[in-house]
PDB file of all heavy atoms in Angstrom:
ATOM      1  N   ILE A   1       0.835  -1.201   0.000  1.00  0.00           N
ATOM      2  CA  ILE A   1       0.000   0.000   0.000  1.00  0.00           C
ATOM      3  C   ILE A   1       0.872   1.254   0.000  1.00  0.00           C
ATOM      4  O   ILE A   1       0.639   2.202  -0.770  1.00  0.00           O
ATOM      5  CB  ILE A   1      -0.939   0.001   1.224  1.00  0.00           C
ATOM      6  CG1 ILE A   1      -1.988  -1.111   1.083  1.00  0.00           C
ATOM      7  CG2 ILE A   1      -1.629   1.364   1.380  1.00  0.00           C
ATOM      8  CD1 ILE A   1      -2.821  -1.329   2.329  1.00  0.00           C
ATOM      9  N   VAL A   2       1.887   1.264   0.853  1.00  0.00           N
ATOM     10  CA  VAL A   2       2.797   2.413   0.930  1.00  0.00           C
ATOM     11  C   VAL A   2       3.528   2.593  -0.402  1.00  0.00           C
ATOM     12  O   VAL A   2       3.672   3.715  -0.904  1.00  0.00           O
ATOM     13  CB  VAL A   2       3.798   2.238   2.082  1.00  0.00           C
ATOM     14  CG1 VAL A   2       4.873   3.323   2.042  1.00  0.00           C
ATOM     15  CG2 VAL A   2       3.073   2.268   3.418  1.00  0.00           C
ATOM     16  N   GLU A   3       4.008   1.494  -0.990  1.00  0.00           N
ATOM     17  CA  GLU A   3       4.692   1.563  -2.283  1.00  0.00           C
ATOM     18  C   GLU A   3       3.766   2.101  -3.366  1.00  0.00           C
ATOM     19  O   GLU A   3       4.161   2.961  -4.161  1.00  0.00           O
ATOM     20  CB  GLU A   3       5.192   0.171  -2.679  1.00  0.00           C
ATOM     21  CG  GLU A   3       5.629   0.027  -4.126  1.00  0.00           C
ATOM     22  CD  GLU A   3       6.803   0.902  -4.506  1.00  0.00           C
ATOM     23  OE1 GLU A   3       7.588   1.272  -3.612  1.00  0.00           O
ATOM     24  OE2 GLU A   3       6.937   1.223  -5.702  1.00  0.00           O
ATOM     25  N   GLY A   4       2.536   1.623  -3.395  1.00  0.00           N
ATOM     26  CA  GLY A   4       1.586   2.063  -4.420  1.00  0.00           C
ATOM     27  C   GLY A   4       1.273   3.552  -4.335  1.00  0.00           C
ATOM     28  O   GLY A   4       1.046   4.204  -5.356  1.00  0.00           O
ATOM     29  N   ILE A   5       1.280   4.087  -3.131  1.00  0.00           N
ATOM     30  CA  ILE A   5       1.013   5.520  -2.944  1.00  0.00           C
ATOM     31  C   ILE A   5       2.240   6.359  -3.277  1.00  0.00           C
ATOM     32  O   ILE A   5       2.170   7.340  -4.014  1.00  0.00           O
ATOM     33  CB  ILE A   5       0.568   5.802  -1.491  1.00  0.00           C
ATOM     34  CG1 ILE A   5      -0.781   5.142  -1.202  1.00  0.00           C
ATOM     35  CG2 ILE A   5       0.479   7.323  -1.243  1.00  0.00           C
ATOM     36  CD1 ILE A   5      -1.201   5.207   0.257  1.00  0.00           C
ATOM     37  N   THR A   6       3.389   5.944  -2.752  1.00  0.00           N
ATOM     38  CA  THR A   6       4.577   6.804  -2.816  1.00  0.00           C
ATOM     39  C   THR A   6       5.384   6.667  -4.091  1.00  0.00           C
ATOM     40  O   THR A   6       6.211   7.525  -4.385  1.00  0.00           O
ATOM     41  CB  THR A   6       5.504   6.526  -1.619  1.00  0.00           C
ATOM     42  OG1 THR A   6       5.912   5.140  -1.641  1.00  0.00           O
ATOM     43  CG2 THR A   6       4.780   6.795  -0.308  1.00  0.00           C
ATOM     44  N   GLU A   7       5.169   5.596  -4.854  1.00  0.00           N
ATOM     45  CA  GLU A   7       5.947   5.423  -6.080  1.00  0.00           C
ATOM     46  C   GLU A   7       5.600   6.471  -7.118  1.00  0.00           C
ATOM     47  O   GLU A   7       6.448   6.949  -7.865  1.00  0.00           O
ATOM     48  CB  GLU A   7       5.715   4.022  -6.667  1.00  0.00           C
ATOM     49  CG  GLU A   7       6.575   3.715  -7.883  1.00  0.00           C
ATOM     50  CD  GLU A   7       8.062   3.794  -7.577  1.00  0.00           C
ATOM     51  OE1 GLU A   7       8.512   3.187  -6.592  1.00  0.00           O
ATOM     52  OE2 GLU A   7       8.777   4.491  -8.330  1.00  0.00           O
ATOM     53  N   TRP A   8       4.321   6.858  -7.170  1.00  0.00           N
ATOM     54  CA  TRP A   8       3.874   7.769  -8.238  1.00  0.00           C
ATOM     55  C   TRP A   8       3.746   9.205  -7.783  1.00  0.00           C
ATOM     56  O   TRP A   8       3.935  10.128  -8.574  1.00  0.00           O
ATOM     57  CB  TRP A   8       2.556   7.253  -8.816  1.00  0.00           C
ATOM     58  CG  TRP A   8       2.704   5.838  -9.258  1.00  0.00           C
ATOM     59  CD1 TRP A   8       2.095   4.731  -8.762  1.00  0.00           C
ATOM     60  CD2 TRP A   8       3.605   5.356 -10.276  1.00  0.00           C
ATOM     61  NE1 TRP A   8       2.544   3.606  -9.393  1.00  0.00           N
ATOM     62  CE2 TRP A   8       3.465   3.951 -10.333  1.00  0.00           C
ATOM     63  CE3 TRP A   8       4.514   5.977 -11.140  1.00  0.00           C
ATOM     64  CZ2 TRP A   8       4.195   3.170 -11.219  1.00  0.00           C
ATOM     65  CZ3 TRP A   8       5.248   5.197 -12.022  1.00  0.00           C
ATOM     66  CH2 TRP A   8       5.088   3.818 -12.048  1.00  0.00           C
ATOM     67  N   LEU A   9       3.409   9.413  -6.522  1.00  0.00           N
ATOM     68  CA  LEU A   9       3.456  10.771  -6.003  1.00  0.00           C
ATOM     69  C   LEU A   9       4.932  11.113  -5.797  1.00  0.00           C
ATOM     70  O   LEU A   9       5.692  10.271  -5.318  1.00  0.00           O
ATOM     71  CB  LEU A   9       2.694  10.874  -4.676  1.00  0.00           C
ATOM     72  CG  LEU A   9       1.216  10.477  -4.709  1.00  0.00           C
ATOM     73  CD1 LEU A   9       0.586  10.682  -3.340  1.00  0.00           C
ATOM     74  CD2 LEU A   9       0.445  11.254  -5.776  1.00  0.00           C
ATOM     75  N   PRO A  10       5.355  12.313  -6.146  1.00  0.00           N
ATOM     76  CA  PRO A  10       6.793  12.649  -6.090  1.00  0.00           C
ATOM     77  C   PRO A  10       7.286  12.915  -4.675  1.00  0.00           C
ATOM     78  O   PRO A  10       7.810  13.983  -4.351  1.00  0.00           O
ATOM     79  CB  PRO A  10       6.879  13.905  -6.964  1.00  0.00           C
ATOM     80  CG  PRO A  10       5.538  14.553  -6.811  1.00  0.00           C
ATOM     81  CD  PRO A  10       4.548  13.423  -6.705  1.00  0.00           C
ATOM     82  N   ILE A  11       7.119  11.902  -3.808  1.00  0.00           N
ATOM     83  CA  ILE A  11       7.445  12.087  -2.391  1.00  0.00           C
ATOM     84  C   ILE A  11       8.434  11.048  -1.881  1.00  0.00           C
ATOM     85  O   ILE A  11       8.681  10.978  -0.671  1.00  0.00           O
ATOM     86  CB  ILE A  11       6.165  12.070  -1.524  1.00  0.00           C
ATOM     87  CG1 ILE A  11       5.350  10.801  -1.784  1.00  0.00           C
ATOM     88  CG2 ILE A  11       5.329  13.312  -1.797  1.00  0.00           C
ATOM     89  CD1 ILE A  11       4.091  10.690  -0.941  1.00  0.00           C
ATOM     90  N   SER A  12       8.984  10.222  -2.771  1.00  0.00           N
ATOM     91  CA  SER A  12      10.027   9.250  -2.456  1.00  0.00           C
ATOM     92  C   SER A  12       9.507   7.998  -1.757  1.00  0.00           C
ATOM     93  O   SER A  12       9.224   8.022  -0.543  1.00  0.00           O
ATOM     94  CB  SER A  12      11.140   9.868  -1.597  1.00  0.00           C
ATOM     95  OG  SER A  12      12.077   8.872  -1.226  1.00  0.00           O
ATOM     96  N   SER A  13       9.419   6.929  -2.513  1.00  0.00           N
ATOM     97  CA  SER A  13       9.040   5.645  -1.920  1.00  0.00           C
ATOM     98  C   SER A  13      10.152   5.152  -0.987  1.00  0.00           C
ATOM     99  O   SER A  13       9.874   4.550   0.054  1.00  0.00           O
ATOM    100  CB  SER A  13       8.773   4.608  -3.019  1.00  0.00           C
ATOM    101  OG  SER A  13       9.908   4.418  -3.831  1.00  0.00           O
ATOM    102  N   THR A  14      11.402   5.441  -1.328  1.00  0.00           N
ATOM    103  CA  THR A  14      12.528   5.008  -0.497  1.00  0.00           C
ATOM    104  C   THR A  14      12.452   5.619   0.901  1.00  0.00           C
ATOM    105  O   THR A  14      12.659   4.939   1.901  1.00  0.00           O
ATOM    106  CB  THR A  14      13.868   5.393  -1.147  1.00  0.00           C
ATOM    107  OG1 THR A  14      13.959   4.797  -2.430  1.00  0.00           O
ATOM    108  CG2 THR A  14      15.039   4.925  -0.289  1.00  0.00           C
ATOM    109  N   GLY A  15      12.168   6.915   0.962  1.00  0.00           N
ATOM    110  CA  GLY A  15      12.071   7.584   2.251  1.00  0.00           C
ATOM    111  C   GLY A  15      11.018   6.960   3.144  1.00  0.00           C
ATOM    112  O   GLY A  15      11.216   6.798   4.359  1.00  0.00           O
ATOM    113  N   HIS A  16       9.904   6.576   2.550  1.00  0.00           N
ATOM    114  CA  HIS A  16       8.827   5.968   3.330  1.00  0.00           C
ATOM    115  C   HIS A  16       9.156   4.525   3.712  1.00  0.00           C
ATOM    116  O   HIS A  16       8.841   4.079   4.818  1.00  0.00           O
ATOM    117  CB  HIS A  16       7.520   6.015   2.538  1.00  0.00           C
ATOM    118  CG  HIS A  16       6.939   7.379   2.408  1.00  0.00           C
ATOM    119  ND1 HIS A  16       7.410   8.300   1.488  1.00  0.00           N
ATOM    120  CD2 HIS A  16       5.938   8.002   3.095  1.00  0.00           C
ATOM    121  CE1 HIS A  16       6.703   9.424   1.614  1.00  0.00           C
ATOM    122  NE2 HIS A  16       5.826   9.264   2.578  1.00  0.00           N
ATOM    123  N   LEU A  17       9.778   3.799   2.799  1.00  0.00           N
ATOM    124  CA  LEU A  17      10.074   2.395   3.073  1.00  0.00           C
ATOM    125  C   LEU A  17      11.145   2.219   4.158  1.00  0.00           C
ATOM    126  O   LEU A  17      11.082   1.271   4.937  1.00  0.00           O
ATOM    127  CB  LEU A  17      10.503   1.682   1.790  1.00  0.00           C
ATOM    128  CG  LEU A  17       9.384   1.432   0.772  1.00  0.00           C
ATOM    129  CD1 LEU A  17       9.937   0.742  -0.465  1.00  0.00           C
ATOM    130  CD2 LEU A  17       8.252   0.598   1.377  1.00  0.00           C
ATOM    131  N   ILE A  18      12.121   3.141   4.216  1.00  0.00           N
ATOM    132  CA  ILE A  18      13.133   2.982   5.264  1.00  0.00           C
ATOM    133  C   ILE A  18      12.530   3.287   6.640  1.00  0.00           C
ATOM    134  O   ILE A  18      12.928   2.693   7.647  1.00  0.00           O
ATOM    135  CB  ILE A  18      14.381   3.855   5.024  1.00  0.00           C
ATOM    136  CG1 ILE A  18      14.057   5.343   5.120  1.00  0.00           C
ATOM    137  CG2 ILE A  18      15.048   3.526   3.725  1.00  0.00           C
ATOM    138  CD1 ILE A  18      15.295   6.205   5.246  1.00  0.00           C
ATOM    139  N   LEU A  19      11.567   4.207   6.688  1.00  0.00           N
ATOM    140  CA  LEU A  19      10.855   4.445   7.939  1.00  0.00           C
ATOM    141  C   LEU A  19      10.021   3.227   8.309  1.00  0.00           C
ATOM    142  O   LEU A  19      10.003   2.787   9.465  1.00  0.00           O
ATOM    143  CB  LEU A  19       9.953   5.678   7.816  1.00  0.00           C
ATOM    144  CG  LEU A  19      10.596   7.048   8.025  1.00  0.00           C
ATOM    145  CD1 LEU A  19       9.586   8.152   7.733  1.00  0.00           C
ATOM    146  CD2 LEU A  19      11.129   7.180   9.445  1.00  0.00           C
ATOM    147  N   LEU A  20       9.323   2.676   7.309  1.00  0.00           N
ATOM    148  CA  LEU A  20       8.470   1.516   7.548  1.00  0.00           C
ATOM    149  C   LEU A  20       9.297   0.313   7.987  1.00  0.00           C
ATOM    150  O   LEU A  20       8.865  -0.483   8.824  1.00  0.00           O
ATOM    151  CB  LEU A  20       7.689   1.185   6.267  1.00  0.00           C
ATOM    152  CG  LEU A  20       6.461   0.277   6.418  1.00  0.00           C
ATOM    153  CD1 LEU A  20       5.470   0.883   7.408  1.00  0.00           C
ATOM    154  CD2 LEU A  20       5.788   0.062   5.067  1.00  0.00           C
ATOM    155  N   GLU A  21      10.506   0.191   7.426  1.00  0.00           N
ATOM    156  CA  GLU A  21      11.382  -0.923   7.787  1.00  0.00           C
ATOM    157  C   GLU A  21      11.752  -0.854   9.267  1.00  0.00           C
ATOM    158  O   GLU A  21      11.851  -1.889   9.943  1.00  0.00           O
ATOM    159  CB  GLU A  21      12.647  -0.901   6.933  1.00  0.00           C
ATOM    160  CG  GLU A  21      13.600  -2.054   7.225  1.00  0.00           C
ATOM    161  CD  GLU A  21      14.936  -1.911   6.500  1.00  0.00           C
ATOM    162  OE1 GLU A  21      15.223  -0.816   5.979  1.00  0.00           O
ATOM    163  OE2 GLU A  21      15.693  -2.890   6.481  1.00  0.00           O
ATOM    164  N   LYS A  22      11.960   0.349   9.776  1.00  0.00           N
ATOM    165  CA  LYS A  22      12.310   0.498  11.190  1.00  0.00           C
ATOM    166  C   LYS A  22      11.102   0.285  12.103  1.00  0.00           C
ATOM    167  O   LYS A  22      11.209  -0.286  13.181  1.00  0.00           O
ATOM    168  CB  LYS A  22      12.912   1.883  11.438  1.00  0.00           C
ATOM    169  CG  LYS A  22      14.281   2.091  10.789  1.00  0.00           C
ATOM    170  CD  LYS A  22      15.308   1.134  11.367  1.00  0.00           C
ATOM    171  CE  LYS A  22      16.672   1.348  10.742  1.00  0.00           C
ATOM    172  NZ  LYS A  22      17.668   0.368  11.234  1.00  0.00           N
ATOM    173  N   LEU A  23       9.943   0.771  11.658  1.00  0.00           N
ATOM    174  CA  LEU A  23       8.736   0.653  12.466  1.00  0.00           C
ATOM    175  C   LEU A  23       8.112  -0.733  12.394  1.00  0.00           C
ATOM    176  O   LEU A  23       7.512  -1.214  13.360  1.00  0.00           O
ATOM    177  CB  LEU A  23       7.706   1.701  12.018  1.00  0.00           C
ATOM    178  CG  LEU A  23       8.098   3.164  12.195  1.00  0.00           C
ATOM    179  CD1 LEU A  23       7.078   4.067  11.513  1.00  0.00           C
ATOM    180  CD2 LEU A  23       8.203   3.498  13.677  1.00  0.00           C
ATOM    181  N   MET A  24       8.258  -1.381  11.207  1.00  0.00           N
ATOM    182  CA  MET A  24       7.586  -2.648  10.968  1.00  0.00           C
ATOM    183  C   MET A  24       8.480  -3.570  10.132  1.00  0.00           C
ATOM    184  O   MET A  24       8.191  -3.846   8.962  1.00  0.00           O
ATOM    185  CB  MET A  24       6.266  -2.373  10.225  1.00  0.00           C
ATOM    186  CG  MET A  24       5.307  -3.532  10.144  1.00  0.00           C
ATOM    187  SD  MET A  24       3.868  -3.052   9.146  1.00  0.00           S
ATOM    188  CE  MET A  24       3.203  -1.708  10.141  1.00  0.00           C
ATOM    189  N   PRO A  25       9.588  -4.019  10.677  1.00  0.00           N
ATOM    190  CA  PRO A  25      10.541  -4.816   9.888  1.00  0.00           C
ATOM    191  C   PRO A  25       9.986  -6.186   9.508  1.00  0.00           C
ATOM    192  O   PRO A  25       9.238  -6.804  10.277  1.00  0.00           O
ATOM    193  CB  PRO A  25      11.738  -4.954  10.836  1.00  0.00           C
ATOM    194  CG  PRO A  25      11.150  -4.833  12.207  1.00  0.00           C
ATOM    195  CD  PRO A  25      10.027  -3.844  12.076  1.00  0.00           C
ATOM    196  N   LEU A  26      10.342  -6.626   8.303  1.00  0.00           N
ATOM    197  CA  LEU A  26      10.009  -7.986   7.882  1.00  0.00           C
ATOM    198  C   LEU A  26      11.021  -8.951   8.492  1.00  0.00           C
ATOM    199  O   LEU A  26      12.189  -8.622   8.631  1.00  0.00           O
ATOM    200  CB  LEU A  26      10.054  -8.101   6.359  1.00  0.00           C
ATOM    201  CG  LEU A  26       8.994  -7.309   5.572  1.00  0.00           C
ATOM    202  CD1 LEU A  26       9.321  -7.338   4.077  1.00  0.00           C
ATOM    203  CD2 LEU A  26       7.600  -7.868   5.824  1.00  0.00           C
ATOM    204  N   ASN A  27      10.572 -10.139   8.826  1.00  0.00           N
ATOM    205  CA  ASN A  27      11.467 -11.135   9.414  1.00  0.00           C
ATOM    206  C   ASN A  27      12.132 -11.956   8.309  1.00  0.00           C
ATOM    207  O   ASN A  27      11.992 -13.178   8.241  1.00  0.00           O
ATOM    208  CB  ASN A  27      10.671 -12.060  10.349  1.00  0.00           C
ATOM    209  CG  ASN A  27      10.016 -11.287  11.471  1.00  0.00           C
ATOM    210  OD1 ASN A  27      10.658 -10.474  12.127  1.00  0.00           O
ATOM    211  ND2 ASN A  27       8.734 -11.537  11.698  1.00  0.00           N
ATOM    212  N   MET A  28      12.848 -11.261   7.434  1.00  0.00           N
ATOM    213  CA  MET A  28      13.381 -11.910   6.243  1.00  0.00           C
ATOM    214  C   MET A  28      14.879 -11.712   6.046  1.00  0.00           C
ATOM    215  O   MET A  28      15.464 -12.336   5.185  1.00  0.00           O
ATOM    216  CB  MET A  28      12.649 -11.365   4.997  1.00  0.00           C
ATOM    217  CG  MET A  28      11.169 -11.678   4.969  1.00  0.00           C
ATOM    218  SD  MET A  28      10.849 -13.412   4.673  1.00  0.00           S
ATOM    219  CE  MET A  28       9.097 -13.473   4.960  1.00  0.00           C
ATOM    220  N   GLY A  29      15.490 -10.835   6.765  1.00  0.00           N
ATOM    221  CA  GLY A  29      16.914 -10.586   6.584  1.00  0.00           C
ATOM    222  C   GLY A  29      17.173  -9.407   5.666  1.00  0.00           C
ATOM    223  O   GLY A  29      16.350  -9.054   4.815  1.00  0.00           O
ATOM    224  N   ASP A  30      18.334  -8.787   5.851  1.00  0.00           N
ATOM    225  CA  ASP A  30      18.682  -7.574   5.104  1.00  0.00           C
ATOM    226  C   ASP A  30      18.813  -7.822   3.606  1.00  0.00           C
ATOM    227  O   ASP A  30      18.410  -6.987   2.798  1.00  0.00           O
ATOM    228  CB  ASP A  30      19.995  -6.987   5.645  1.00  0.00           C
ATOM    229  CG  ASP A  30      19.831  -6.408   7.036  1.00  0.00           C
ATOM    230  OD1 ASP A  30      18.689  -6.120   7.426  1.00  0.00           O
ATOM    231  OD2 ASP A  30      20.856  -6.245   7.731  1.00  0.00           O
ATOM    232  N   GLU A  31      19.402  -8.953   3.229  1.00  0.00           N
ATOM    233  CA  GLU A  31      19.611  -9.234   1.804  1.00  0.00           C
ATOM    234  C   GLU A  31      18.287  -9.330   1.064  1.00  0.00           C
ATOM    235  O   GLU A  31      18.133  -8.781  -0.031  1.00  0.00           O
ATOM    236  CB  GLU A  31      20.396 -10.537   1.629  1.00  0.00           C
ATOM    237  CG  GLU A  31      20.793 -10.815   0.187  1.00  0.00           C
ATOM    238  CD  GLU A  31      21.575 -12.103   0.035  1.00  0.00           C
ATOM    239  OE1 GLU A  31      21.845 -12.757   1.062  1.00  0.00           O
ATOM    240  OE2 GLU A  31      21.907 -12.461  -1.109  1.00  0.00           O
ATOM    241  N   PHE A  32      17.311  -9.993   1.679  1.00  0.00           N
ATOM    242  CA  PHE A  32      15.994 -10.100   1.059  1.00  0.00           C
ATOM    243  C   PHE A  32      15.337  -8.731   0.962  1.00  0.00           C
ATOM    244  O   PHE A  32      14.751  -8.385  -0.071  1.00  0.00           O
ATOM    245  CB  PHE A  32      15.093 -11.044   1.852  1.00  0.00           C
ATOM    246  CG  PHE A  32      13.665 -11.067   1.348  1.00  0.00           C
ATOM    247  CD1 PHE A  32      13.310 -11.845   0.253  1.00  0.00           C
ATOM    248  CD2 PHE A  32      12.684 -10.294   1.957  1.00  0.00           C
ATOM    249  CE1 PHE A  32      12.009 -11.858  -0.223  1.00  0.00           C
ATOM    250  CE2 PHE A  32      11.377 -10.296   1.497  1.00  0.00           C
ATOM    251  CZ  PHE A  32      11.031 -11.076   0.397  1.00  0.00           C
ATOM    252  N   PHE A  33      15.437  -7.932   2.018  1.00  0.00           N
ATOM    253  CA  PHE A  33      14.757  -6.638   2.014  1.00  0.00           C
ATOM    254  C   PHE A  33      15.326  -5.704   0.967  1.00  0.00           C
ATOM    255  O   PHE A  33      14.585  -4.958   0.322  1.00  0.00           O
ATOM    256  CB  PHE A  33      14.836  -5.966   3.388  1.00  0.00           C
ATOM    257  CG  PHE A  33      13.999  -4.716   3.471  1.00  0.00           C
ATOM    258  CD1 PHE A  33      12.635  -4.806   3.696  1.00  0.00           C
ATOM    259  CD2 PHE A  33      14.563  -3.462   3.296  1.00  0.00           C
ATOM    260  CE1 PHE A  33      11.853  -3.659   3.746  1.00  0.00           C
ATOM    261  CE2 PHE A  33      13.793  -2.313   3.354  1.00  0.00           C
ATOM    262  CZ  PHE A  33      12.428  -2.413   3.580  1.00  0.00           C
ATOM    263  N   ARG A  34      16.650  -5.715   0.761  1.00  0.00           N
ATOM    264  CA  ARG A  34      17.263  -4.870  -0.270  1.00  0.00           C
ATOM    265  C   ARG A  34      16.722  -5.229  -1.653  1.00  0.00           C
ATOM    266  O   ARG A  34      16.552  -4.355  -2.499  1.00  0.00           O
ATOM    267  CB  ARG A  34      18.785  -5.031  -0.251  1.00  0.00           C
ATOM    268  CG  ARG A  34      19.484  -4.558   1.000  1.00  0.00           C
ATOM    269  CD  ARG A  34      19.633  -3.037   1.068  1.00  0.00           C
ATOM    270  NE  ARG A  34      18.435  -2.358   1.528  1.00  0.00           N
ATOM    271  CZ  ARG A  34      18.098  -2.225   2.801  1.00  0.00           C
ATOM    272  NH1 ARG A  34      18.850  -2.718   3.745  1.00  0.00           N
ATOM    273  NH2 ARG A  34      17.010  -1.577   3.139  1.00  0.00           N
ATOM    274  N   MET A  35      16.476  -6.507  -1.877  1.00  0.00           N
ATOM    275  CA  MET A  35      15.873  -6.934  -3.135  1.00  0.00           C
ATOM    276  C   MET A  35      14.383  -6.601  -3.155  1.00  0.00           C
ATOM    277  O   MET A  35      13.856  -6.079  -4.139  1.00  0.00           O
ATOM    278  CB  MET A  35      16.082  -8.439  -3.325  1.00  0.00           C
ATOM    279  CG  MET A  35      15.454  -9.054  -4.580  1.00  0.00           C
ATOM    280  SD  MET A  35      13.695  -9.501  -4.374  1.00  0.00           S
ATOM    281  CE  MET A  35      13.796 -10.727  -3.072  1.00  0.00           C
ATOM    282  N   PHE A  36      13.714  -6.858  -2.056  1.00  0.00           N
ATOM    283  CA  PHE A  36      12.269  -6.677  -1.934  1.00  0.00           C
ATOM    284  C   PHE A  36      11.838  -5.242  -2.222  1.00  0.00           C
ATOM    285  O   PHE A  36      10.872  -5.009  -2.949  1.00  0.00           O
ATOM    286  CB  PHE A  36      11.840  -7.080  -0.516  1.00  0.00           C
ATOM    287  CG  PHE A  36      10.444  -6.686  -0.136  1.00  0.00           C
ATOM    288  CD1 PHE A  36       9.362  -7.469  -0.509  1.00  0.00           C
ATOM    289  CD2 PHE A  36      10.196  -5.533   0.609  1.00  0.00           C
ATOM    290  CE1 PHE A  36       8.065  -7.113  -0.157  1.00  0.00           C
ATOM    291  CE2 PHE A  36       8.913  -5.162   0.964  1.00  0.00           C
ATOM    292  CZ  PHE A  36       7.848  -5.962   0.572  1.00  0.00           C
ATOM    293  N   GLU A  37      12.559  -4.261  -1.677  1.00  0.00           N
ATOM    294  CA  GLU A  37      12.136  -2.871  -1.808  1.00  0.00           C
ATOM    295  C   GLU A  37      12.251  -2.354  -3.244  1.00  0.00           C
ATOM    296  O   GLU A  37      11.678  -1.321  -3.585  1.00  0.00           O
ATOM    297  CB  GLU A  37      12.932  -1.967  -0.863  1.00  0.00           C
ATOM    298  CG  GLU A  37      14.408  -1.882  -1.176  1.00  0.00           C
ATOM    299  CD  GLU A  37      15.151  -0.975  -0.213  1.00  0.00           C
ATOM    300  OE1 GLU A  37      14.493  -0.229   0.536  1.00  0.00           O
ATOM    301  OE2 GLU A  37      16.390  -1.022  -0.216  1.00  0.00           O
ATOM    302  N   VAL A  38      12.989  -3.067  -4.089  1.00  0.00           N
ATOM    303  CA  VAL A  38      13.077  -2.714  -5.500  1.00  0.00           C
ATOM    304  C   VAL A  38      12.051  -3.497  -6.318  1.00  0.00           C
ATOM    305  O   VAL A  38      11.302  -2.942  -7.111  1.00  0.00           O
ATOM    306  CB  VAL A  38      14.499  -2.973  -6.053  1.00  0.00           C
ATOM    307  CG1 VAL A  38      14.537  -2.740  -7.569  1.00  0.00           C
ATOM    308  CG2 VAL A  38      15.497  -2.074  -5.352  1.00  0.00           C
ATOM    309  N   VAL A  39      11.992  -4.810  -6.097  1.00  0.00           N
ATOM    310  CA  VAL A  39      11.132  -5.678  -6.902  1.00  0.00           C
ATOM    311  C   VAL A  39       9.648  -5.426  -6.629  1.00  0.00           C
ATOM    312  O   VAL A  39       8.800  -5.641  -7.501  1.00  0.00           O
ATOM    313  CB  VAL A  39      11.500  -7.159  -6.669  1.00  0.00           C
ATOM    314  CG1 VAL A  39      10.603  -8.086  -7.484  1.00  0.00           C
ATOM    315  CG2 VAL A  39      12.962  -7.394  -7.047  1.00  0.00           C
ATOM    316  N   ILE A  40       9.332  -4.934  -5.436  1.00  0.00           N
ATOM    317  CA  ILE A  40       7.936  -4.601  -5.121  1.00  0.00           C
ATOM    318  C   ILE A  40       7.370  -3.586  -6.119  1.00  0.00           C
ATOM    319  O   ILE A  40       6.168  -3.516  -6.365  1.00  0.00           O
ATOM    320  CB  ILE A  40       7.837  -4.056  -3.673  1.00  0.00           C
ATOM    321  CG1 ILE A  40       6.378  -3.910  -3.235  1.00  0.00           C
ATOM    322  CG2 ILE A  40       8.551  -2.721  -3.549  1.00  0.00           C
ATOM    323  CD1 ILE A  40       6.238  -3.389  -1.809  1.00  0.00           C
ATOM    324  N   GLN A  41       8.274  -2.822  -6.752  1.00  0.00           N
ATOM    325  CA  GLN A  41       7.860  -1.804  -7.717  1.00  0.00           C
ATOM    326  C   GLN A  41       7.232  -2.396  -8.974  1.00  0.00           C
ATOM    327  O   GLN A  41       6.522  -1.695  -9.706  1.00  0.00           O
ATOM    328  CB  GLN A  41       9.057  -0.938  -8.109  1.00  0.00           C
ATOM    329  CG  GLN A  41       9.664  -0.169  -6.952  1.00  0.00           C
ATOM    330  CD  GLN A  41      10.955   0.530  -7.342  1.00  0.00           C
ATOM    331  OE1 GLN A  41      11.563   0.242  -8.366  1.00  0.00           O
ATOM    332  NE2 GLN A  41      11.392   1.459  -6.511  1.00  0.00           N
TER     333      GLN A  41
END
C-alpha cells in the first residue's frame, strides 16, 4: 500500500520504506529486504 502511494506521487518511496522498515521490519533478513524494496515496484 505504501509503495503504491509513494511510487507515483513525487514524495520518495525510499524515504517511506526505510521508515516503515524500522517501524515494521520484515522477518526476512537484510539481503531479502534490499531486493524486496526494489522488486515490489
